[in-house]
Amino acid sequence: MNASYLIARLLKKLRGTARKESRVHPTSKLESGSQMYDSSMDRHSFCGYDCSLLHCDVGSFTSIANRVTIGGVAHPMAFVSTSPAFLSHKDSIKTKFAHHDFLPRERTTIGHDVWIGEGAYIKAGVTIGHGAVVGMGSVVTKNVLPYEVVAGNPAKRVRMRFEEPVVAALLQLAWWDLPEDELRRLAVHFNDPVTMLTREGLL
């Protein structure tokens, strides 16, 4: 393997992660260059390189690609100025002309088994339903339904992952909440949702 490639990979990994007031399940992974603040990630999920998760709750078995931004803070559009130079909280601005209170923190919810493509932006306060897919580079400004596939700027529905009866059955099964021995039993048929759900008596 190319030595320069290995060195570049090592340097990328050495950047580490930044976490504050956040929780990542031991089975999950936050890659280097990514930051989490006031956020959580449940079991068997991962977040790629150079992501930002603010005031966000991520479910289990969720896949977040590189350079994804989830959540954030707002600016006071109803004030005379949107600049934080007139607000009370600490930020990048050193000089303060006033100290008005304004720091809304809307929570963003990413469900279980969600796949978010590279470079996507998820607006603060949005809920991404279980099983949904967000296409790369998408800008999500509204809630996404369970098993809905969205893409674009602003993100819009492309299609549903499955037919409605399959979606309803998967939500009823809620396999992401099952213990790991039960998951191993079901996983044999994960490549065929209809067969798995039929065997479980849900279709």
Foldseek 3Di string as FASTA:
>chain_A
DDPVVVVVVVVQQVQAEAEECEEEPPQEEEGHLEYEYCEYADHCEYAEHNEYHYLEYAYYLEYHYYQEYEEDWAFPPVDPDRDCLDDQDDDDDDHHPHHHHDTDGAHEYEYYCEYEAANEYHYGNEYEAALEYEYHNEYDDHHHYHQFYWYDDPTDTPGGNDPPLLSVLCVVPVVSPDDPVVCVVLVVCPVPSVVSSVVVVSD
